[in-house]
Amino acid sequence: MTDTARSRRGTVTTTPDGRQRLEFERSWPDPVEDVWSALTEPDRLARWIGTFDGDRRPGGTGTFTMTHEDQPVGEPMTIEVCEPPNRLVVAWVQE
């Protein structure tokens, strides 16, 4: 598998408590400020991928719903790291 294929599919690791972790890294050719606002501004996020209802600061929790799915289902999400405009780390638990 090439580095490109690996980064597109993500990296799966197992956490000490036995859960699996899937990590993706993405980049876009757009200005970083534009990408950041698409990830963090509610109206832009909703147009792109979904909604987040909850506390929007590090440690904050809420519900993320991918609105373009056939059957949108809200799932818990925690904002772990928020370093504008370069790094956003979330924990998104999917059943």
PDB file of N, CA and C in Angstrom:
ATOM      1  N   MET A   1       0.850  -1.170   0.000  1.00  0.00           N
ATOM      2  CA  MET A   1       0.000   0.000   0.000  1.00  0.00           C
ATOM      3  C   MET A   1       0.896   1.233   0.000  1.00  0.00           C
ATOM      4  N   THR A   2       0.569   2.197  -0.833  1.00  0.00           N
ATOM      5  CA  THR A   2       1.365   3.419  -0.885  1.00  0.00           C
ATOM      6  C   THR A   2       0.972   4.336   0.263  1.00  0.00           C
ATOM      7  N   ASP A   3       1.829   5.338   0.527  1.00  0.00           N
ATOM      8  CA  ASP A   3       1.494   6.312   1.570  1.00  0.00           C
ATOM      9  C   ASP A   3       0.182   7.010   1.256  1.00  0.00           C
ATOM     10  N   THR A   4      -0.064   7.302  -0.021  1.00  0.00           N
ATOM     11  CA  THR A   4      -1.300   7.966  -0.407  1.00  0.00           C
ATOM     12  C   THR A   4      -2.504   7.085  -0.094  1.00  0.00           C
ATOM     13  N   ALA A   5      -2.445   5.820  -0.459  1.00  0.00           N
ATOM     14  CA  ALA A   5      -3.554   4.906  -0.176  1.00  0.00           C
ATOM     15  C   ALA A   5      -3.744   4.746   1.327  1.00  0.00           C
ATOM     16  N   ARG A   6      -2.676   4.643   2.079  1.00  0.00           N
ATOM     17  CA  ARG A   6      -2.771   4.488   3.534  1.00  0.00           C
ATOM     18  C   ARG A   6      -3.447   5.711   4.149  1.00  0.00           C
ATOM     19  N   SER A   7      -3.046   6.909   3.728  1.00  0.00           N
ATOM     20  CA  SER A   7      -3.630   8.110   4.313  1.00  0.00           C
ATOM     21  C   SER A   7      -5.094   8.270   3.912  1.00  0.00           C
ATOM     22  N   ARG A   8      -5.463   7.810   2.724  1.00  0.00           N
ATOM     23  CA  ARG A   8      -6.858   7.920   2.286  1.00  0.00           C
ATOM     24  C   ARG A   8      -7.744   6.971   3.072  1.00  0.00           C
ATOM     25  N   ARG A   9      -7.252   5.780   3.348  1.00  0.00           N
ATOM     26  CA  ARG A   9      -8.051   4.778   4.057  1.00  0.00           C
ATOM     27  C   ARG A   9      -8.001   4.966   5.563  1.00  0.00           C
ATOM     28  N   GLY A  10      -6.998   5.655   6.042  1.00  0.00           N
ATOM     29  CA  GLY A  10      -6.845   5.857   7.469  1.00  0.00           C
ATOM     30  C   GLY A  10      -5.966   4.794   8.091  1.00  0.00           C
ATOM     31  N   THR A  11      -5.590   5.025   9.326  1.00  0.00           N
ATOM     32  CA  THR A  11      -4.757   4.100  10.083  1.00  0.00           C
ATOM     33  C   THR A  11      -5.570   3.586  11.263  1.00  0.00           C
ATOM     34  N   VAL A  12      -5.634   2.276  11.408  1.00  0.00           N
ATOM     35  CA  VAL A  12      -6.379   1.660  12.509  1.00  0.00           C
ATOM     36  C   VAL A  12      -5.387   1.180  13.559  1.00  0.00           C
ATOM     37  N   THR A  13      -5.625   1.570  14.801  1.00  0.00           N
ATOM     38  CA  THR A  13      -4.829   1.089  15.925  1.00  0.00           C
ATOM     39  C   THR A  13      -5.795   0.635  17.023  1.00  0.00           C
ATOM     40  N   THR A  14      -5.278  -0.093  17.992  1.00  0.00           N
ATOM     41  CA  THR A  14      -6.089  -0.530  19.120  1.00  0.00           C
ATOM     42  C   THR A  14      -5.643   0.232  20.361  1.00  0.00           C
ATOM     43  N   THR A  15      -6.617   0.814  21.073  1.00  0.00           N
ATOM     44  CA  THR A  15      -6.323   1.577  22.281  1.00  0.00           C
ATOM     45  C   THR A  15      -6.095   0.615  23.449  1.00  0.00           C
ATOM     46  N   PRO A  16      -5.485   1.089  24.540  1.00  0.00           N
ATOM     47  CA  PRO A  16      -5.225   0.208  25.688  1.00  0.00           C
ATOM     48  C   PRO A  16      -6.477  -0.470  26.247  1.00  0.00           C
ATOM     49  N   ASP A  17      -7.648   0.169  26.089  1.00  0.00           N
ATOM     50  CA  ASP A  17      -8.873  -0.447  26.613  1.00  0.00           C
ATOM     51  C   ASP A  17      -9.541  -1.381  25.601  1.00  0.00           C
ATOM     52  N   GLY A  18      -8.864  -1.641  24.462  1.00  0.00           N
ATOM     53  CA  GLY A  18      -9.361  -2.611  23.491  1.00  0.00           C
ATOM     54  C   GLY A  18     -10.186  -2.034  22.358  1.00  0.00           C
ATOM     55  N   ARG A  19     -10.525  -0.740  22.433  1.00  0.00           N
ATOM     56  CA  ARG A  19     -11.289  -0.140  21.343  1.00  0.00           C
ATOM     57  C   ARG A  19     -10.390   0.093  20.137  1.00  0.00           C
ATOM     58  N   GLN A  20     -10.989   0.134  18.966  1.00  0.00           N
ATOM     59  CA  GLN A  20     -10.223   0.440  17.764  1.00  0.00           C
ATOM     60  C   GLN A  20     -10.322   1.930  17.460  1.00  0.00           C
ATOM     61  N   ARG A  21      -9.213   2.476  16.959  1.00  0.00           N
ATOM     62  CA  ARG A  21      -9.141   3.894  16.625  1.00  0.00           C
ATOM     63  C   ARG A  21      -8.806   4.001  15.146  1.00  0.00           C
ATOM     64  N   LEU A  22      -9.579   4.809  14.426  1.00  0.00           N
ATOM     65  CA  LEU A  22      -9.346   5.060  13.008  1.00  0.00           C
ATOM     66  C   LEU A  22      -8.959   6.520  12.862  1.00  0.00           C
ATOM     67  N   GLU A  23      -7.798   6.770  12.300  1.00  0.00           N
ATOM     68  CA  GLU A  23      -7.289   8.138  12.184  1.00  0.00           C
ATOM     69  C   GLU A  23      -7.061   8.488  10.715  1.00  0.00           C
ATOM     70  N   PHE A  24      -7.592   9.645  10.328  1.00  0.00           N
ATOM     71  CA  PHE A  24      -7.426  10.167   8.977  1.00  0.00           C
ATOM     72  C   PHE A  24      -6.671  11.488   9.037  1.00  0.00           C
ATOM     73  N   GLU A  25      -5.934  11.763   7.996  1.00  0.00           N
ATOM     74  CA  GLU A  25      -5.333  13.082   7.819  1.00  0.00           C
ATOM     75  C   GLU A  25      -5.727  13.533   6.425  1.00  0.00           C
ATOM     76  N   ARG A  26      -6.258  14.731   6.321  1.00  0.00           N
ATOM     77  CA  ARG A  26      -6.719  15.239   5.041  1.00  0.00           C
ATOM     78  C   ARG A  26      -6.104  16.613   4.763  1.00  0.00           C
ATOM     79  N   SER A  27      -5.951  16.918   3.483  1.00  0.00           N
ATOM     80  CA  SER A  27      -5.520  18.254   3.087  1.00  0.00           C
ATOM     81  C   SER A  27      -6.322  18.664   1.859  1.00  0.00           C
ATOM     82  N   TRP A  28      -6.518  19.958   1.691  1.00  0.00           N
ATOM     83  CA  TRP A  28      -7.256  20.514   0.572  1.00  0.00           C
ATOM     84  C   TRP A  28      -6.421  21.622  -0.065  1.00  0.00           C
ATOM     85  N   PRO A  29      -6.641  21.892  -1.348  1.00  0.00           N
ATOM     86  CA  PRO A  29      -5.871  22.931  -2.025  1.00  0.00           C
ATOM     87  C   PRO A  29      -6.379  24.340  -1.720  1.00  0.00           C
ATOM     88  N   ASP A  30      -7.425  24.457  -0.913  1.00  0.00           N
ATOM     89  CA  ASP A  30      -8.024  25.755  -0.598  1.00  0.00           C
ATOM     90  C   ASP A  30      -7.260  26.454   0.516  1.00  0.00           C
ATOM     91  N   PRO A  31      -7.429  27.777   0.648  1.00  0.00           N
ATOM     92  CA  PRO A  31      -6.786  28.497   1.757  1.00  0.00           C
ATOM     93  C   PRO A  31      -7.210  27.910   3.106  1.00  0.00           C
ATOM     94  N   VAL A  32      -6.269  27.825   4.025  1.00  0.00           N
ATOM     95  CA  VAL A  32      -6.527  27.192   5.316  1.00  0.00           C
ATOM     96  C   VAL A  32      -7.696  27.845   6.052  1.00  0.00           C
ATOM     97  N   GLU A  33      -7.850  29.135   5.936  1.00  0.00           N
ATOM     98  CA  GLU A  33      -8.943  29.824   6.625  1.00  0.00           C
ATOM     99  C   GLU A  33     -10.306  29.364   6.092  1.00  0.00           C
ATOM    100  N   ASP A  34     -10.380  29.099   4.772  1.00  0.00           N
ATOM    101  CA  ASP A  34     -11.620  28.647   4.166  1.00  0.00           C
ATOM    102  C   ASP A  34     -11.972  27.235   4.630  1.00  0.00           C
ATOM    103  N   VAL A  35     -10.988  26.364   4.666  1.00  0.00           N
ATOM    104  CA  VAL A  35     -11.216  24.992   5.137  1.00  0.00           C
ATOM    105  C   VAL A  35     -11.612  25.013   6.608  1.00  0.00           C
ATOM    106  N   TRP A  36     -10.920  25.818   7.408  1.00  0.00           N
ATOM    107  CA  TRP A  36     -11.231  25.908   8.841  1.00  0.00           C
ATOM    108  C   TRP A  36     -12.675  26.350   9.065  1.00  0.00           C
ATOM    109  N   SER A  37     -13.109  27.356   8.325  1.00  0.00           N
ATOM    110  CA  SER A  37     -14.478  27.835   8.520  1.00  0.00           C
ATOM    111  C   SER A  37     -15.502  26.782   8.084  1.00  0.00           C
ATOM    112  N   ALA A  38     -15.175  25.980   7.062  1.00  0.00           N
ATOM    113  CA  ALA A  38     -16.084  24.907   6.637  1.00  0.00           C
ATOM    114  C   ALA A  38     -16.230  23.842   7.718  1.00  0.00           C
ATOM    115  N   LEU A  39     -15.193  23.667   8.534  1.00  0.00           N
ATOM    116  CA  LEU A  39     -15.226  22.684   9.620  1.00  0.00           C
ATOM    117  C   LEU A  39     -15.848  23.223  10.903  1.00  0.00           C
ATOM    118  N   THR A  40     -15.804  24.528  11.101  1.00  0.00           N
ATOM    119  CA  THR A  40     -16.165  25.074  12.414  1.00  0.00           C
ATOM    120  C   THR A  40     -17.370  26.007  12.436  1.00  0.00           C
ATOM    121  N   GLU A  41     -17.797  26.511  11.299  1.00  0.00           N
ATOM    122  CA  GLU A  41     -18.969  27.392  11.264  1.00  0.00           C
ATOM    123  C   GLU A  41     -20.210  26.553  10.980  1.00  0.00           C
ATOM    124  N   PRO A  42     -21.205  26.605  11.870  1.00  0.00           N
ATOM    125  CA  PRO A  42     -22.367  25.725  11.749  1.00  0.00           C
ATOM    126  C   PRO A  42     -23.027  25.722  10.374  1.00  0.00           C
ATOM    127  N   ASP A  43     -23.252  26.882   9.769  1.00  0.00           N
ATOM    128  CA  ASP A  43     -23.930  26.919   8.470  1.00  0.00           C
ATOM    129  C   ASP A  43     -23.099  26.252   7.380  1.00  0.00           C
ATOM    130  N   ARG A  44     -21.794  26.491   7.400  1.00  0.00           N
ATOM    131  CA  ARG A  44     -20.930  25.895   6.373  1.00  0.00           C
ATOM    132  C   ARG A  44     -20.772  24.397   6.586  1.00  0.00           C
ATOM    133  N   LEU A  45     -20.638  23.968   7.844  1.00  0.00           N
ATOM    134  CA  LEU A  45     -20.535  22.542   8.146  1.00  0.00           C
ATOM    135  C   LEU A  45     -21.790  21.810   7.677  1.00  0.00           C
ATOM    136  N   ALA A  46     -22.956  22.410   7.927  1.00  0.00           N
ATOM    137  CA  ALA A  46     -24.220  21.786   7.532  1.00  0.00           C
ATOM    138  C   ALA A  46     -24.325  21.646   6.010  1.00  0.00           C
ATOM    139  N   ARG A  47     -23.852  22.639   5.274  1.00  0.00           N
ATOM    140  CA  ARG A  47     -23.901  22.550   3.802  1.00  0.00           C
ATOM    141  C   ARG A  47     -22.959  21.474   3.287  1.00  0.00           C
ATOM    142  N   TRP A  48     -21.864  21.257   4.006  1.00  0.00           N
ATOM    143  CA  TRP A  48     -20.835  20.333   3.534  1.00  0.00           C
ATOM    144  C   TRP A  48     -21.105  18.889   3.929  1.00  0.00           C
ATOM    145  N   ILE A  49     -21.269  18.648   5.251  1.00  0.00           N
ATOM    146  CA  ILE A  49     -21.302  17.250   5.705  1.00  0.00           C
ATOM    147  C   ILE A  49     -22.362  16.950   6.759  1.00  0.00           C
ATOM    148  N   GLY A  50     -22.618  17.883   7.670  1.00  0.00           N
ATOM    149  CA  GLY A  50     -23.566  17.567   8.727  1.00  0.00           C
ATOM    150  C   GLY A  50     -23.679  18.673   9.761  1.00  0.00           C
ATOM    151  N   THR A  51     -24.229  18.307  10.909  1.00  0.00           N
ATOM    152  CA  THR A  51     -24.428  19.278  11.982  1.00  0.00           C
ATOM    153  C   THR A  51     -23.766  18.789  13.263  1.00  0.00           C
ATOM    154  N   PHE A  52     -23.390  19.747  14.096  1.00  0.00           N
ATOM    155  CA  PHE A  52     -22.873  19.448  15.431  1.00  0.00           C
ATOM    156  C   PHE A  52     -23.649  20.292  16.411  1.00  0.00           C
ATOM    157  N   ASP A  53     -24.363  19.638  17.306  1.00  0.00           N
ATOM    158  CA  ASP A  53     -25.104  20.326  18.355  1.00  0.00           C
ATOM    159  C   ASP A  53     -24.427  20.036  19.670  1.00  0.00           C
ATOM    160  N   GLY A  54     -23.809  21.071  20.248  1.00  0.00           N
ATOM    161  CA  GLY A  54     -23.134  20.881  21.524  1.00  0.00           C
ATOM    162  C   GLY A  54     -22.122  21.977  21.797  1.00  0.00           C
ATOM    163  N   ASP A  55     -21.275  21.724  22.767  1.00  0.00           N
ATOM    164  CA  ASP A  55     -20.240  22.652  23.218  1.00  0.00           C
ATOM    165  C   ASP A  55     -19.072  22.625  22.237  1.00  0.00           C
ATOM    166  N   ARG A  56     -18.753  23.765  21.627  1.00  0.00           N
ATOM    167  CA  ARG A  56     -17.759  23.846  20.560  1.00  0.00           C
ATOM    168  C   ARG A  56     -16.375  24.275  21.040  1.00  0.00           C
ATOM    169  N   ARG A  57     -15.958  23.853  22.200  1.00  0.00           N
ATOM    170  CA  ARG A  57     -14.605  24.172  22.681  1.00  0.00           C
ATOM    171  C   ARG A  57     -13.906  22.878  23.088  1.00  0.00           C
ATOM    172  N   PRO A  58     -12.575  22.907  23.234  1.00  0.00           N
ATOM    173  CA  PRO A  58     -11.866  21.683  23.643  1.00  0.00           C
ATOM    174  C   PRO A  58     -12.475  21.086  24.909  1.00  0.00           C
ATOM    175  N   GLY A  59     -12.729  19.792  24.861  1.00  0.00           N
ATOM    176  CA  GLY A  59     -13.378  19.095  25.970  1.00  0.00           C
ATOM    177  C   GLY A  59     -14.889  19.077  25.835  1.00  0.00           C
ATOM    178  N   GLY A  60     -15.412  19.901  24.926  1.00  0.00           N
ATOM    179  CA  GLY A  60     -16.855  19.980  24.725  1.00  0.00           C
ATOM    180  C   GLY A  60     -17.402  18.744  24.051  1.00  0.00           C
ATOM    181  N   THR A  61     -18.620  18.407  24.396  1.00  0.00           N
ATOM    182  CA  THR A  61     -19.280  17.243  23.806  1.00  0.00           C
ATOM    183  C   THR A  61     -20.573  17.672  23.138  1.00  0.00           C
ATOM    184  N   GLY A  62     -21.028  16.842  22.225  1.00  0.00           N
ATOM    185  CA  GLY A  62     -22.278  17.109  21.537  1.00  0.00           C
ATOM    186  C   GLY A  62     -22.649  15.951  20.650  1.00  0.00           C
ATOM    187  N   THR A  63     -23.543  16.222  19.723  1.00  0.00           N
ATOM    188  CA  THR A  63     -24.026  15.209  18.798  1.00  0.00           C
ATOM    189  C   THR A  63     -23.709  15.635  17.374  1.00  0.00           C
ATOM    190  N   PHE A  64     -23.029  14.765  16.632  1.00  0.00           N
ATOM    191  CA  PHE A  64     -22.709  15.017  15.234  1.00  0.00           C
ATOM    192  C   PHE A  64     -23.623  14.156  14.376  1.00  0.00           C
ATOM    193  N   THR A  65     -24.260  14.775  13.376  1.00  0.00           N
ATOM    194  CA  THR A  65     -25.150  14.071  12.472  1.00  0.00           C
ATOM    195  C   THR A  65     -24.711  14.341  11.037  1.00  0.00           C
ATOM    196  N   MET A  66     -24.369  13.287  10.316  1.00  0.00           N
ATOM    197  CA  MET A  66     -24.043  13.415   8.897  1.00  0.00           C
ATOM    198  C   MET A  66     -25.374  13.507   8.155  1.00  0.00           C
ATOM    199  N   THR A  67     -25.714  14.697   7.692  1.00  0.00           N
ATOM    200  CA  THR A  67     -27.043  14.951   7.165  1.00  0.00           C
ATOM    201  C   THR A  67     -27.271  14.453   5.748  1.00  0.00           C
ATOM    202  N   HIS A  68     -26.234  14.030   5.047  1.00  0.00           N
ATOM    203  CA  HIS A  68     -26.418  13.560   3.671  1.00  0.00           C
ATOM    204  C   HIS A  68     -26.522  12.038   3.580  1.00  0.00           C
ATOM    205  N   GLU A  69     -26.624  11.368   4.713  1.00  0.00           N
ATOM    206  CA  GLU A  69     -26.807   9.925   4.736  1.00  0.00           C
ATOM    207  C   GLU A  69     -28.269   9.579   4.437  1.00  0.00           C
ATOM    208  N   ASP A  70     -28.524   8.350   4.002  1.00  0.00           N
ATOM    209  CA  ASP A  70     -29.899   7.926   3.747  1.00  0.00           C
ATOM    210  C   ASP A  70     -30.759   8.036   5.004  1.00  0.00           C
ATOM    211  N   GLN A  71     -30.176   7.639   6.139  1.00  0.00           N
ATOM    212  CA  GLN A  71     -30.876   7.716   7.416  1.00  0.00           C
ATOM    213  C   GLN A  71     -29.965   8.416   8.424  1.00  0.00           C
ATOM    214  N   PRO A  72     -29.993   9.759   8.463  1.00  0.00           N
ATOM    215  CA  PRO A  72     -29.113  10.482   9.385  1.00  0.00           C
ATOM    216  C   PRO A  72     -29.355  10.076  10.837  1.00  0.00           C
ATOM    217  N   VAL A  73     -28.262   9.762  11.529  1.00  0.00           N
ATOM    218  CA  VAL A  73     -28.320   9.381  12.937  1.00  0.00           C
ATOM    219  C   VAL A  73     -27.284  10.203  13.687  1.00  0.00           C
ATOM    220  N   GLY A  74     -27.705  10.871  14.738  1.00  0.00           N
ATOM    221  CA  GLY A  74     -26.775  11.631  15.555  1.00  0.00           C
ATOM    222  C   GLY A  74     -25.957  10.707  16.443  1.00  0.00           C
ATOM    223  N   GLU A  75     -24.641  11.009  16.523  1.00  0.00           N
ATOM    224  CA  GLU A  75     -23.747  10.195  17.353  1.00  0.00           C
ATOM    225  C   GLU A  75     -22.898  11.103  18.220  1.00  0.00           C
ATOM    226  N   PRO A  76     -22.476  10.625  19.400  1.00  0.00           N
ATOM    227  CA  PRO A  76     -21.697  11.465  20.303  1.00  0.00           C
ATOM    228  C   PRO A  76     -20.333  11.834  19.715  1.00  0.00           C
ATOM    229  N   MET A  77     -19.940  13.080  19.960  1.00  0.00           N
ATOM    230  CA  MET A  77     -18.637  13.559  19.513  1.00  0.00           C
ATOM    231  C   MET A  77     -18.068  14.466  20.598  1.00  0.00           C
ATOM    232  N   THR A  78     -16.752  14.361  20.797  1.00  0.00           N
ATOM    233  CA  THR A  78     -16.044  15.221  21.744  1.00  0.00           C
ATOM    234  C   THR A  78     -14.949  15.962  20.992  1.00  0.00           C
ATOM    235  N   ILE A  79     -14.831  17.255  21.232  1.00  0.00           N
ATOM    236  CA  ILE A  79     -13.748  18.040  20.646  1.00  0.00           C
ATOM    237  C   ILE A  79     -12.547  17.893  21.568  1.00  0.00           C
ATOM    238  N   GLU A  80     -11.507  17.233  21.091  1.00  0.00           N
ATOM    239  CA  GLU A  80     -10.331  16.977  21.924  1.00  0.00           C
ATOM    240  C   GLU A  80      -9.288  18.085  21.810  1.00  0.00           C
ATOM    241  N   VAL A  81      -9.046  18.565  20.586  1.00  0.00           N
ATOM    242  CA  VAL A  81      -8.056  19.615  20.353  1.00  0.00           C
ATOM    243  C   VAL A  81      -8.626  20.589  19.339  1.00  0.00           C
ATOM    244  N   CYS A  82      -8.465  21.869  19.595  1.00  0.00           N
ATOM    245  CA  CYS A  82      -8.903  22.889  18.648  1.00  0.00           C
ATOM    246  C   CYS A  82      -7.828  23.975  18.628  1.00  0.00           C
ATOM    247  N   GLU A  83      -7.019  23.971  17.554  1.00  0.00           N
ATOM    248  CA  GLU A  83      -5.928  24.934  17.399  1.00  0.00           C
ATOM    249  C   GLU A  83      -6.111  25.648  16.066  1.00  0.00           C
ATOM    250  N   PRO A  84      -6.966  26.691  16.048  1.00  0.00           N
ATOM    251  CA  PRO A  84      -7.254  27.395  14.799  1.00  0.00           C
ATOM    252  C   PRO A  84      -5.990  27.968  14.168  1.00  0.00           C
ATOM    253  N   PRO A  85      -5.877  27.952  12.873  1.00  0.00           N
ATOM    254  CA  PRO A  85      -6.758  27.310  11.905  1.00  0.00           C
ATOM    255  C   PRO A  85      -6.164  26.023  11.359  1.00  0.00           C
ATOM    256  N   ASN A  86      -5.320  25.333  12.134  1.00  0.00           N
ATOM    257  CA  ASN A  86      -4.584  24.198  11.584  1.00  0.00           C
ATOM    258  C   ASN A  86      -4.918  22.825  12.121  1.00  0.00           C
ATOM    259  N   ARG A  87      -5.470  22.723  13.308  1.00  0.00           N
ATOM    260  CA  ARG A  87      -5.624  21.390  13.894  1.00  0.00           C
ATOM    261  C   ARG A  87      -6.937  21.278  14.656  1.00  0.00           C
ATOM    262  N   LEU A  88      -7.725  20.289  14.251  1.00  0.00           N
ATOM    263  CA  LEU A  88      -8.974  19.974  14.929  1.00  0.00           C
ATOM    264  C   LEU A  88      -9.005  18.464  15.124  1.00  0.00           C
ATOM    265  N   VAL A  89      -9.062  18.030  16.378  1.00  0.00           N
ATOM    266  CA  VAL A  89      -9.098  16.604  16.700  1.00  0.00           C
ATOM    267  C   VAL A  89     -10.408  16.341  17.433  1.00  0.00           C
ATOM    268  N   VAL A  90     -11.183  15.379  16.911  1.00  0.00           N
ATOM    269  CA  VAL A  90     -12.443  15.014  17.551  1.00  0.00           C
ATOM    270  C   VAL A  90     -12.467  13.519  17.809  1.00  0.00           C
ATOM    271  N   ALA A  91     -13.168  13.142  18.854  1.00  0.00           N
ATOM    272  CA  ALA A  91     -13.435  11.725  19.132  1.00  0.00           C
ATOM    273  C   ALA A  91     -14.899  11.519  18.756  1.00  0.00           C
ATOM    274  N   TRP A  92     -15.121  10.656  17.789  1.00  0.00           N
ATOM    275  CA  TRP A  92     -16.445  10.394  17.259  1.00  0.00           C
ATOM    276  C   TRP A  92     -16.712   8.912  17.396  1.00  0.00           C
ATOM    277  N   VAL A  93     -17.550   8.567  18.321  1.00  0.00           N
ATOM    278  CA  VAL A  93     -17.819   7.153  18.594  1.00  0.00           C
ATOM    279  C   VAL A  93     -18.991   6.707  17.745  1.00  0.00           C
ATOM    280  N   GLN A  94     -18.718   5.717  16.886  1.00  0.00           N
ATOM    281  CA  GLN A  94     -19.778   5.151  16.057  1.00  0.00           C
ATOM    282  C   GLN A  94     -20.002   3.709  16.475  1.00  0.00           C
ATOM    283  N   GLU A  95     -21.262   3.372  16.634  1.00  0.00           N
ATOM    284  CA  GLU A  95     -21.615   1.998  17.008  1.00  0.00           C
ATOM    285  C   GLU A  95     -21.534   1.098  15.808  1.00  0.00           C
TER     286      GLU A  95
END
